[in-house]
């Protein structure tokens, strides 16, 4: 299954977005925070990056609590669908990360 997902980045992103509240990532972050899950989301580009995480203090915080990588994201867009899914993952990650960071820093 992993080999299939690695060669189908669209499917990989869809699988990870499934069950997330894309309309309200802030709600997911609040729920996760209440369960002591303080992870930050990162995407892959030229190098991995965490949308909404800007300062060295924020980066260090995320590294200390854990990082969840949106596999299938990349700086290379393989199709229109892939580009749209990367944007959805980026939007979710940014809004989610901003809540987690605001509660801890």
Protein backbone atom coordinates (compact mmCIF):
# COMPACT_ATOMS: atom_id res chain seq x y z
CA UNK A 1 0.00 0.00 0.00
CA UNK A 2 2.81 2.40 0.89
CA UNK A 3 4.42 1.90 -2.51
CA UNK A 4 1.09 2.74 -4.18
CA UNK A 5 0.72 5.92 -2.11
CA UNK A 6 4.28 7.02 -2.78
CA UNK A 7 3.64 6.82 -6.52
CA UNK A 8 0.19 8.48 -6.27
CA UNK A 9 0.67 11.72 -4.31
CA UNK A 10 -2.93 12.80 -4.90
CA UNK A 11 -4.22 9.67 -3.17
CA UNK A 12 -1.73 10.16 -0.33
CA UNK A 13 -2.92 13.70 0.37
CA UNK A 14 -6.60 12.73 0.07
CA UNK A 15 -6.10 9.93 2.58
CA UNK A 16 -4.51 12.29 5.10
CA UNK A 17 -7.18 14.98 4.63
CA UNK A 18 -9.95 12.42 5.11
CA UNK A 19 -11.62 12.99 8.46
CA UNK A 20 -10.07 16.41 9.02
CA UNK A 21 -12.39 19.38 9.36
CA UNK A 22 -11.08 21.42 6.42
CA UNK A 23 -13.81 24.02 6.90
CA UNK A 24 -12.68 24.62 10.48
CA UNK A 25 -9.12 23.45 11.21
CA UNK A 26 -9.21 25.66 14.30
CA UNK A 27 -11.82 23.32 15.78
CA UNK A 28 -9.60 20.30 15.12
CA UNK A 29 -6.68 22.10 16.76
CA UNK A 30 -8.77 22.95 19.82
CA UNK A 31 -9.93 19.32 20.14
CA UNK A 32 -6.41 17.97 19.69
CA UNK A 33 -4.99 20.48 22.15
CA UNK A 34 -7.56 19.33 24.71
CA UNK A 35 -6.28 15.77 24.22
CA UNK A 36 -2.68 16.96 24.76
CA UNK A 37 -1.88 16.48 21.07
CA UNK A 38 0.24 19.54 20.30
CA UNK A 39 1.67 18.47 16.95
CA UNK A 40 2.34 20.92 14.12
CA UNK A 41 1.71 20.10 10.46
CA UNK A 42 4.40 20.41 7.81
CA UNK A 43 4.40 20.18 4.03
CA UNK A 44 7.15 19.18 1.66
CA UNK A 45 8.69 21.65 -0.74
CA UNK A 46 12.32 22.28 -1.63
CA UNK A 47 12.64 21.55 2.08
CA UNK A 48 9.92 20.69 4.61
CA UNK A 49 8.11 23.75 5.95
CA UNK A 50 5.35 24.45 8.45
CA UNK A 51 2.73 26.93 7.19
CA UNK A 52 1.95 29.59 9.78
CA UNK A 53 5.15 28.85 11.70
CA UNK A 54 7.43 31.83 11.20
CA UNK A 55 9.80 32.52 14.07
CA UNK A 56 12.68 30.49 15.41
CA UNK A 57 10.82 30.14 18.72
CA UNK A 58 7.76 28.74 16.90
CA UNK A 59 9.91 26.33 14.88
CA UNK A 60 11.67 25.10 17.99
CA UNK A 61 8.32 24.68 19.75
CA UNK A 62 6.97 22.56 16.89
CA UNK A 63 10.10 20.43 16.85
CA UNK A 64 9.76 19.86 20.59
CA UNK A 65 6.11 18.72 20.47
CA UNK A 66 6.21 16.78 17.22
CA UNK A 67 5.56 17.33 13.55
CA UNK A 68 3.03 15.61 11.32
CA UNK A 69 4.09 15.60 7.69
CA UNK A 70 1.54 15.84 4.89
CA UNK A 71 3.04 13.16 2.65
CA UNK A 72 2.45 13.62 -1.06
CA UNK A 73 2.95 17.38 -0.93
CA UNK A 74 5.86 18.76 -2.93
CA UNK A 75 7.23 21.82 -4.69
CA UNK A 76 6.64 19.97 -7.95
CA UNK A 77 2.99 19.80 -8.97
CA UNK A 78 2.19 16.68 -10.99
CA UNK A 79 -1.36 17.55 -12.01
CA UNK A 80 -4.04 20.17 -11.49
CA UNK A 81 -5.64 17.94 -8.86
CA UNK A 82 -2.31 17.57 -7.08
CA UNK A 83 -1.91 21.34 -6.95
CA UNK A 84 -5.40 21.79 -5.53
CA UNK A 85 -4.78 19.14 -2.88
CA UNK A 86 -1.48 20.76 -1.88
CA UNK A 87 -3.34 24.05 -1.45
CA UNK A 88 -5.98 22.34 0.70
CA UNK A 89 -3.29 20.74 2.86
CA UNK A 90 -1.41 24.06 3.14
CA UNK A 91 -4.55 25.94 4.15
CA UNK A 92 -5.44 23.33 6.75
CA UNK A 93 -1.90 23.19 8.15
CA UNK A 94 -1.56 26.97 8.42
CA UNK A 95 -4.84 27.50 10.23
CA UNK A 96 -4.25 24.49 12.50
CA UNK A 97 -0.67 25.46 13.33
CA UNK A 98 -1.63 29.03 14.21
CA UNK A 99 -4.02 27.77 16.90
CA UNK A 100 -1.55 25.29 18.39
CA UNK A 101 1.20 27.92 18.50
CA UNK A 102 -1.06 30.58 20.00
CA UNK A 103 -1.89 28.24 22.88
CA UNK A 104 1.70 27.37 23.69
CA UNK A 105 3.81 30.45 22.97
